[in-house]
Amino acid sequence: MEDRYLVENLLNMTKAMVELYQHAAIESPTDNIHQEFSTLLSDTLCMQHEIYTAMSEMGWYKTEKAEKKQITKTVSKYASSN
């Protein structure tokens, strides 16, 4: 299996874990459980960032800079909905 495919799957799995840990932390019935899930969430966010950074450095995760005009348009869109 190609390395890029494996790393993309790893990134997607860590993103899913972030969502699960976030939900679990929010729904935690006690402070101890909340703290455990918060720690797992933080650790998983760091792991996700490391994977993203590695992919970006290898040219496997490209992002584009948004033009000022597009940013202004998007901000206006959401500002007017309030």
PDB file of N, CA and C in Angstrom:
ATOM      1  N   MET A   1       0.846  -1.183   0.000  1.00  0.00           N
ATOM      2  CA  MET A   1       0.000   0.000   0.000  1.00  0.00           C
ATOM      3  C   MET A   1       0.892   1.247   0.000  1.00  0.00           C
ATOM      4  N   GLU A   2       0.482   2.239  -0.685  1.00  0.00           N
ATOM      5  CA  GLU A   2       1.266   3.467  -0.810  1.00  0.00           C
ATOM      6  C   GLU A   2       1.318   4.234   0.519  1.00  0.00           C
ATOM      7  N   ASP A   3       2.499   4.792   0.838  1.00  0.00           N
ATOM      8  CA  ASP A   3       2.688   5.530   2.089  1.00  0.00           C
ATOM      9  C   ASP A   3       1.698   6.678   2.233  1.00  0.00           C
ATOM     10  N   ARG A   4       1.500   7.405   1.155  1.00  0.00           N
ATOM     11  CA  ARG A   4       0.589   8.556   1.216  1.00  0.00           C
ATOM     12  C   ARG A   4      -0.813   8.119   1.622  1.00  0.00           C
ATOM     13  N   TYR A   5      -1.283   7.040   1.065  1.00  0.00           N
ATOM     14  CA  TYR A   5      -2.609   6.521   1.389  1.00  0.00           C
ATOM     15  C   TYR A   5      -2.704   6.158   2.873  1.00  0.00           C
ATOM     16  N   LEU A   6      -1.673   5.512   3.390  1.00  0.00           N
ATOM     17  CA  LEU A   6      -1.661   5.128   4.805  1.00  0.00           C
ATOM     18  C   LEU A   6      -1.675   6.349   5.718  1.00  0.00           C
ATOM     19  N   VAL A   7      -0.878   7.359   5.375  1.00  0.00           N
ATOM     20  CA  VAL A   7      -0.804   8.562   6.202  1.00  0.00           C
ATOM     21  C   VAL A   7      -2.110   9.351   6.127  1.00  0.00           C
ATOM     22  N   GLU A   8      -2.734   9.406   4.953  1.00  0.00           N
ATOM     23  CA  GLU A   8      -4.033  10.076   4.829  1.00  0.00           C
ATOM     24  C   GLU A   8      -5.072   9.381   5.707  1.00  0.00           C
ATOM     25  N   ASN A   9      -5.054   8.055   5.714  1.00  0.00           N
ATOM     26  CA  ASN A   9      -5.980   7.322   6.582  1.00  0.00           C
ATOM     27  C   ASN A   9      -5.702   7.603   8.056  1.00  0.00           C
ATOM     28  N   LEU A  10      -4.445   7.685   8.416  1.00  0.00           N
ATOM     29  CA  LEU A  10      -4.068   8.003   9.793  1.00  0.00           C
ATOM     30  C   LEU A  10      -4.565   9.389  10.177  1.00  0.00           C
ATOM     31  N   LEU A  11      -4.412  10.350   9.277  1.00  0.00           N
ATOM     32  CA  LEU A  11      -4.900  11.702   9.542  1.00  0.00           C
ATOM     33  C   LEU A  11      -6.420  11.698   9.726  1.00  0.00           C
ATOM     34  N   ASN A  12      -7.125  11.000   8.851  1.00  0.00           N
ATOM     35  CA  ASN A  12      -8.589  10.932   8.967  1.00  0.00           C
ATOM     36  C   ASN A  12      -9.032  10.253  10.253  1.00  0.00           C
ATOM     37  N   MET A  13      -8.306   9.219  10.669  1.00  0.00           N
ATOM     38  CA  MET A  13      -8.652   8.549  11.927  1.00  0.00           C
ATOM     39  C   MET A  13      -8.415   9.466  13.125  1.00  0.00           C
ATOM     40  N   THR A  14      -7.327  10.229  13.109  1.00  0.00           N
ATOM     41  CA  THR A  14      -7.089  11.125  14.241  1.00  0.00           C
ATOM     42  C   THR A  14      -8.127  12.246  14.275  1.00  0.00           C
ATOM     43  N   LYS A  15      -8.558  12.714  13.108  1.00  0.00           N
ATOM     44  CA  LYS A  15      -9.625  13.725  13.081  1.00  0.00           C
ATOM     45  C   LYS A  15     -10.907  13.158  13.691  1.00  0.00           C
ATOM     46  N   ALA A  16     -11.230  11.916  13.379  1.00  0.00           N
ATOM     47  CA  ALA A  16     -12.421  11.281  13.943  1.00  0.00           C
ATOM     48  C   ALA A  16     -12.278  11.112  15.451  1.00  0.00           C
ATOM     49  N   MET A  17     -11.085  10.764  15.901  1.00  0.00           N
ATOM     50  CA  MET A  17     -10.850  10.611  17.336  1.00  0.00           C
ATOM     51  C   MET A  17     -11.023  11.940  18.059  1.00  0.00           C
ATOM     52  N   VAL A  18     -10.570  13.029  17.445  1.00  0.00           N
ATOM     53  CA  VAL A  18     -10.738  14.361  18.035  1.00  0.00           C
ATOM     54  C   VAL A  18     -12.223  14.626  18.273  1.00  0.00           C
ATOM     55  N   GLU A  19     -13.040  14.334  17.283  1.00  0.00           N
ATOM     56  CA  GLU A  19     -14.488  14.556  17.425  1.00  0.00           C
ATOM     57  C   GLU A  19     -15.074  13.710  18.554  1.00  0.00           C
ATOM     58  N   LEU A  20     -14.661  12.460  18.637  1.00  0.00           N
ATOM     59  CA  LEU A  20     -15.179  11.586  19.689  1.00  0.00           C
ATOM     60  C   LEU A  20     -14.742  12.046  21.079  1.00  0.00           C
ATOM     61  N   TYR A  21     -13.469  12.389  21.227  1.00  0.00           N
ATOM     62  CA  TYR A  21     -12.973  12.841  22.526  1.00  0.00           C
ATOM     63  C   TYR A  21     -13.594  14.174  22.931  1.00  0.00           C
ATOM     64  N   GLN A  22     -13.815  15.048  21.967  1.00  0.00           N
ATOM     65  CA  GLN A  22     -14.463  16.327  22.273  1.00  0.00           C
ATOM     66  C   GLN A  22     -15.872  16.081  22.803  1.00  0.00           C
ATOM     67  N   HIS A  23     -16.605  15.243  22.103  1.00  0.00           N
ATOM     68  CA  HIS A  23     -17.977  14.942  22.531  1.00  0.00           C
ATOM     69  C   HIS A  23     -17.972  14.278  23.913  1.00  0.00           C
ATOM     70  N   ALA A  24     -17.055  13.346  24.117  1.00  0.00           N
ATOM     71  CA  ALA A  24     -16.971  12.656  25.406  1.00  0.00           C
ATOM     72  C   ALA A  24     -16.630  13.627  26.533  1.00  0.00           C
ATOM     73  N   ALA A  25     -15.724  14.558  26.279  1.00  0.00           N
ATOM     74  CA  ALA A  25     -15.359  15.535  27.313  1.00  0.00           C
ATOM     75  C   ALA A  25     -16.554  16.412  27.664  1.00  0.00           C
ATOM     76  N   ILE A  26     -17.292  16.826  26.647  1.00  0.00           N
ATOM     77  CA  ILE A  26     -18.471  17.670  26.886  1.00  0.00           C
ATOM     78  C   ILE A  26     -19.525  16.933  27.704  1.00  0.00           C
ATOM     79  N   GLU A  27     -19.691  15.646  27.435  1.00  0.00           N
ATOM     80  CA  GLU A  27     -20.744  14.853  28.071  1.00  0.00           C
ATOM     81  C   GLU A  27     -20.294  14.174  29.367  1.00  0.00           C
ATOM     82  N   SER A  28     -19.065  14.393  29.793  1.00  0.00           N
ATOM     83  CA  SER A  28     -18.533  13.702  30.971  1.00  0.00           C
ATOM     84  C   SER A  28     -19.322  14.022  32.229  1.00  0.00           C
ATOM     85  N   PRO A  29     -19.686  12.979  32.990  1.00  0.00           N
ATOM     86  CA  PRO A  29     -20.499  13.187  34.186  1.00  0.00           C
ATOM     87  C   PRO A  29     -19.710  13.635  35.420  1.00  0.00           C
ATOM     88  N   THR A  30     -18.396  13.420  35.424  1.00  0.00           N
ATOM     89  CA  THR A  30     -17.595  13.796  36.597  1.00  0.00           C
ATOM     90  C   THR A  30     -16.357  14.570  36.157  1.00  0.00           C
ATOM     91  N   ASP A  31     -15.758  15.280  37.095  1.00  0.00           N
ATOM     92  CA  ASP A  31     -14.549  16.055  36.799  1.00  0.00           C
ATOM     93  C   ASP A  31     -13.391  15.155  36.378  1.00  0.00           C
ATOM     94  N   ASN A  32     -13.248  13.992  37.041  1.00  0.00           N
ATOM     95  CA  ASN A  32     -12.149  13.086  36.699  1.00  0.00           C
ATOM     96  C   ASN A  32     -12.267  12.570  35.272  1.00  0.00           C
ATOM     97  N   ILE A  33     -13.454  12.164  34.883  1.00  0.00           N
ATOM     98  CA  ILE A  33     -13.664  11.657  33.525  1.00  0.00           C
ATOM     99  C   ILE A  33     -13.485  12.793  32.523  1.00  0.00           C
ATOM    100  N   HIS A  34     -14.004  13.968  32.850  1.00  0.00           N
ATOM    101  CA  HIS A  34     -13.839  15.123  31.977  1.00  0.00           C
ATOM    102  C   HIS A  34     -12.356  15.419  31.753  1.00  0.00           C
ATOM    103  N   GLN A  35     -11.579  15.381  32.811  1.00  0.00           N
ATOM    104  CA  GLN A  35     -10.142  15.653  32.703  1.00  0.00           C
ATOM    105  C   GLN A  35      -9.443  14.614  31.839  1.00  0.00           C
ATOM    106  N   GLU A  36      -9.800  13.351  31.993  1.00  0.00           N
ATOM    107  CA  GLU A  36      -9.184  12.289  31.190  1.00  0.00           C
ATOM    108  C   GLU A  36      -9.470  12.484  29.700  1.00  0.00           C
ATOM    109  N   PHE A  37     -10.724  12.751  29.376  1.00  0.00           N
ATOM    110  CA  PHE A  37     -11.072  12.958  27.975  1.00  0.00           C
ATOM    111  C   PHE A  37     -10.456  14.251  27.427  1.00  0.00           C
ATOM    112  N   SER A  38     -10.352  15.269  28.260  1.00  0.00           N
ATOM    113  CA  SER A  38      -9.701  16.514  27.839  1.00  0.00           C
ATOM    114  C   SER A  38      -8.227  16.279  27.522  1.00  0.00           C
ATOM    115  N   THR A  39      -7.580  15.464  28.334  1.00  0.00           N
ATOM    116  CA  THR A  39      -6.176  15.119  28.095  1.00  0.00           C
ATOM    117  C   THR A  39      -6.031  14.328  26.802  1.00  0.00           C
ATOM    118  N   LEU A  40      -6.912  13.345  26.610  1.00  0.00           N
ATOM    119  CA  LEU A  40      -6.887  12.564  25.367  1.00  0.00           C
ATOM    120  C   LEU A  40      -7.134  13.461  24.156  1.00  0.00           C
ATOM    121  N   LEU A  41      -8.060  14.394  24.296  1.00  0.00           N
ATOM    122  CA  LEU A  41      -8.355  15.333  23.212  1.00  0.00           C
ATOM    123  C   LEU A  41      -7.116  16.159  22.867  1.00  0.00           C
ATOM    124  N   SER A  42      -6.474  16.703  23.868  1.00  0.00           N
ATOM    125  CA  SER A  42      -5.280  17.518  23.654  1.00  0.00           C
ATOM    126  C   SER A  42      -4.161  16.709  22.995  1.00  0.00           C
ATOM    127  N   ASP A  43      -3.928  15.501  23.500  1.00  0.00           N
ATOM    128  CA  ASP A  43      -2.886  14.643  22.934  1.00  0.00           C
ATOM    129  C   ASP A  43      -3.186  14.297  21.476  1.00  0.00           C
ATOM    130  N   THR A  44      -4.442  14.030  21.186  1.00  0.00           N
ATOM    131  CA  THR A  44      -4.837  13.653  19.829  1.00  0.00           C
ATOM    132  C   THR A  44      -4.740  14.848  18.882  1.00  0.00           C
ATOM    133  N   LEU A  45      -5.075  16.042  19.372  1.00  0.00           N
ATOM    134  CA  LEU A  45      -4.900  17.246  18.552  1.00  0.00           C
ATOM    135  C   LEU A  45      -3.431  17.459  18.202  1.00  0.00           C
ATOM    136  N   CYS A  46      -2.552  17.224  19.153  1.00  0.00           N
ATOM    137  CA  CYS A  46      -1.107  17.346  18.886  1.00  0.00           C
ATOM    138  C   CYS A  46      -0.670  16.306  17.851  1.00  0.00           C
ATOM    139  N   MET A  47      -1.165  15.081  17.984  1.00  0.00           N
ATOM    140  CA  MET A  47      -0.836  14.028  17.034  1.00  0.00           C
ATOM    141  C   MET A  47      -1.337  14.385  15.630  1.00  0.00           C
ATOM    142  N   GLN A  48      -2.556  14.905  15.559  1.00  0.00           N
ATOM    143  CA  GLN A  48      -3.133  15.300  14.277  1.00  0.00           C
ATOM    144  C   GLN A  48      -2.287  16.392  13.635  1.00  0.00           C
ATOM    145  N   HIS A  49      -1.841  17.344  14.431  1.00  0.00           N
ATOM    146  CA  HIS A  49      -1.019  18.437  13.905  1.00  0.00           C
ATOM    147  C   HIS A  49       0.319  17.913  13.381  1.00  0.00           C
ATOM    148  N   GLU A  50       0.912  16.982  14.084  1.00  0.00           N
ATOM    149  CA  GLU A  50       2.183  16.399  13.639  1.00  0.00           C
ATOM    150  C   GLU A  50       2.008  15.665  12.308  1.00  0.00           C
ATOM    151  N   ILE A  51       0.915  14.936  12.164  1.00  0.00           N
ATOM    152  CA  ILE A  51       0.649  14.218  10.916  1.00  0.00           C
ATOM    153  C   ILE A  51       0.427  15.214   9.788  1.00  0.00           C
ATOM    154  N   TYR A  52      -0.383  16.228  10.049  1.00  0.00           N
ATOM    155  CA  TYR A  52      -0.631  17.269   9.044  1.00  0.00           C
ATOM    156  C   TYR A  52       0.678  17.930   8.615  1.00  0.00           C
ATOM    157  N   THR A  53       1.516  18.284   9.580  1.00  0.00           N
ATOM    158  CA  THR A  53       2.787  18.948   9.277  1.00  0.00           C
ATOM    159  C   THR A  53       3.674  18.058   8.419  1.00  0.00           C
ATOM    160  N   ALA A  54       3.748  16.785   8.766  1.00  0.00           N
ATOM    161  CA  ALA A  54       4.561  15.845   7.981  1.00  0.00           C
ATOM    162  C   ALA A  54       4.016  15.726   6.563  1.00  0.00           C
ATOM    163  N   MET A  55       2.709  15.629   6.434  1.00  0.00           N
ATOM    164  CA  MET A  55       2.104  15.531   5.103  1.00  0.00           C
ATOM    165  C   MET A  55       2.363  16.794   4.294  1.00  0.00           C
ATOM    166  N   SER A  56       2.249  17.921   4.940  1.00  0.00           N
ATOM    167  CA  SER A  56       2.482  19.196   4.270  1.00  0.00           C
ATOM    168  C   SER A  56       3.923  19.301   3.779  1.00  0.00           C
ATOM    169  N   GLU A  57       4.860  18.887   4.616  1.00  0.00           N
ATOM    170  CA  GLU A  57       6.274  18.927   4.247  1.00  0.00           C
ATOM    171  C   GLU A  57       6.585  18.002   3.075  1.00  0.00           C
ATOM    172  N   MET A  58       5.839  16.905   2.955  1.00  0.00           N
ATOM    173  CA  MET A  58       6.033  15.968   1.846  1.00  0.00           C
ATOM    174  C   MET A  58       5.247  16.370   0.603  1.00  0.00           C
ATOM    175  N   GLY A  59       4.483  17.462   0.715  1.00  0.00           N
ATOM    176  CA  GLY A  59       3.689  17.908  -0.420  1.00  0.00           C
ATOM    177  C   GLY A  59       2.409  17.119  -0.615  1.00  0.00           C
ATOM    178  N   TRP A  60       1.991  16.401   0.413  1.00  0.00           N
ATOM    179  CA  TRP A  60       0.797  15.556   0.332  1.00  0.00           C
ATOM    180  C   TRP A  60      -0.457  16.267   0.825  1.00  0.00           C
ATOM    181  N   TYR A  61      -0.311  17.421   1.442  1.00  0.00           N
ATOM    182  CA  TYR A  61      -1.455  18.166   1.970  1.00  0.00           C
ATOM    183  C   TYR A  61      -1.207  19.628   1.640  1.00  0.00           C
ATOM    184  N   LYS A  62      -1.776  20.039   0.545  1.00  0.00           N
ATOM    185  CA  LYS A  62      -1.534  21.405   0.084  1.00  0.00           C
ATOM    186  C   LYS A  62      -2.705  22.305   0.462  1.00  0.00           C
ATOM    187  N   THR A  63      -2.361  23.483   0.919  1.00  0.00           N
ATOM    188  CA  THR A  63      -3.376  24.490   1.216  1.00  0.00           C
ATOM    189  C   THR A  63      -3.101  25.710   0.361  1.00  0.00           C
ATOM    190  N   GLU A  64      -4.158  26.420   0.079  1.00  0.00           N
ATOM    191  CA  GLU A  64      -4.024  27.644  -0.698  1.00  0.00           C
ATOM    192  C   GLU A  64      -4.315  28.829   0.196  1.00  0.00           C
ATOM    193  N   LYS A  65      -3.586  29.900  -0.040  1.00  0.00           N
ATOM    194  CA  LYS A  65      -3.858  31.133   0.694  1.00  0.00           C
ATOM    195  C   LYS A  65      -5.096  31.781   0.094  1.00  0.00           C
ATOM    196  N   ALA A  66      -5.983  32.193   0.971  1.00  0.00           N
ATOM    197  CA  ALA A  66      -7.201  32.852   0.502  1.00  0.00           C
ATOM    198  C   ALA A  66      -6.880  34.293   0.130  1.00  0.00           C
ATOM    199  N   GLU A  67      -7.505  34.728  -0.938  1.00  0.00           N
ATOM    200  CA  GLU A  67      -7.335  36.116  -1.349  1.00  0.00           C
ATOM    201  C   GLU A  67      -8.110  37.021  -0.393  1.00  0.00           C
ATOM    202  N   LYS A  68      -7.611  38.215  -0.193  1.00  0.00           N
ATOM    203  CA  LYS A  68      -8.250  39.196   0.701  1.00  0.00           C
ATOM    204  C   LYS A  68      -9.714  39.402   0.326  1.00  0.00           C
ATOM    205  N   LYS A  69      -9.997  39.455  -0.959  1.00  0.00           N
ATOM    206  CA  LYS A  69     -11.360  39.658  -1.448  1.00  0.00           C
ATOM    207  C   LYS A  69     -12.283  38.519  -0.986  1.00  0.00           C
ATOM    208  N   GLN A  70     -11.800  37.288  -1.056  1.00  0.00           N
ATOM    209  CA  GLN A  70     -12.607  36.137  -0.645  1.00  0.00           C
ATOM    210  C   GLN A  70     -12.837  36.139   0.862  1.00  0.00           C
ATOM    211  N   ILE A  71     -11.832  36.526   1.625  1.00  0.00           N
ATOM    212  CA  ILE A  71     -11.975  36.603   3.085  1.00  0.00           C
ATOM    213  C   ILE A  71     -13.038  37.636   3.445  1.00  0.00           C
ATOM    214  N   THR A  72     -12.947  38.810   2.841  1.00  0.00           N
ATOM    215  CA  THR A  72     -13.909  39.877   3.096  1.00  0.00           C
ATOM    216  C   THR A  72     -15.320  39.428   2.737  1.00  0.00           C
ATOM    217  N   LYS A  73     -15.468  38.747   1.616  1.00  0.00           N
ATOM    218  CA  LYS A  73     -16.779  38.254   1.173  1.00  0.00           C
ATOM    219  C   LYS A  73     -17.356  37.265   2.180  1.00  0.00           C
ATOM    220  N   THR A  74     -16.535  36.352   2.664  1.00  0.00           N
ATOM    221  CA  THR A  74     -16.990  35.343   3.618  1.00  0.00           C
ATOM    222  C   THR A  74     -17.347  35.981   4.958  1.00  0.00           C
ATOM    223  N   VAL A  75     -16.522  36.905   5.430  1.00  0.00           N
ATOM    224  CA  VAL A  75     -16.812  37.603   6.687  1.00  0.00           C
ATOM    225  C   VAL A  75     -18.129  38.358   6.568  1.00  0.00           C
ATOM    226  N   SER A  76     -18.334  39.044   5.457  1.00  0.00           N
ATOM    227  CA  SER A  76     -19.572  39.800   5.245  1.00  0.00           C
ATOM    228  C   SER A  76     -20.786  38.880   5.240  1.00  0.00           C
ATOM    229  N   LYS A  77     -20.629  37.727   4.627  1.00  0.00           N
ATOM    230  CA  LYS A  77     -21.730  36.758   4.534  1.00  0.00           C
ATOM    231  C   LYS A  77     -22.198  36.354   5.940  1.00  0.00           C
ATOM    232  N   TYR A  78     -21.255  36.019   6.803  1.00  0.00           N
ATOM    233  CA  TYR A  78     -21.620  35.558   8.140  1.00  0.00           C
ATOM    234  C   TYR A  78     -21.959  36.705   9.074  1.00  0.00           C
ATOM    235  N   ALA A  79     -21.394  37.856   8.868  1.00  0.00           N
ATOM    236  CA  ALA A  79     -21.713  39.026   9.697  1.00  0.00           C
ATOM    237  C   ALA A  79     -23.132  39.480   9.445  1.00  0.00           C
ATOM    238  N   SER A  80     -23.580  39.375   8.208  1.00  0.00           N
ATOM    239  CA  SER A  80     -24.941  39.831   7.872  1.00  0.00           C
ATOM    240  C   SER A  80     -26.016  38.860   8.353  1.00  0.00           C
ATOM    241  N   SER A  81     -25.625  37.623   8.693  1.00  0.00           N
ATOM    242  CA  SER A  81     -26.609  36.648   9.155  1.00  0.00           C
ATOM    243  C   SER A  81     -26.890  36.780  10.654  1.00  0.00           C
ATOM    244  N   ASN A  82     -26.155  37.634  11.347  1.00  0.00           N
ATOM    245  CA  ASN A  82     -26.369  37.805  12.789  1.00  0.00           C
ATOM    246  C   ASN A  82     -27.402  38.807  13.078  1.00  0.00           C
TER     247      ASN A  82
END
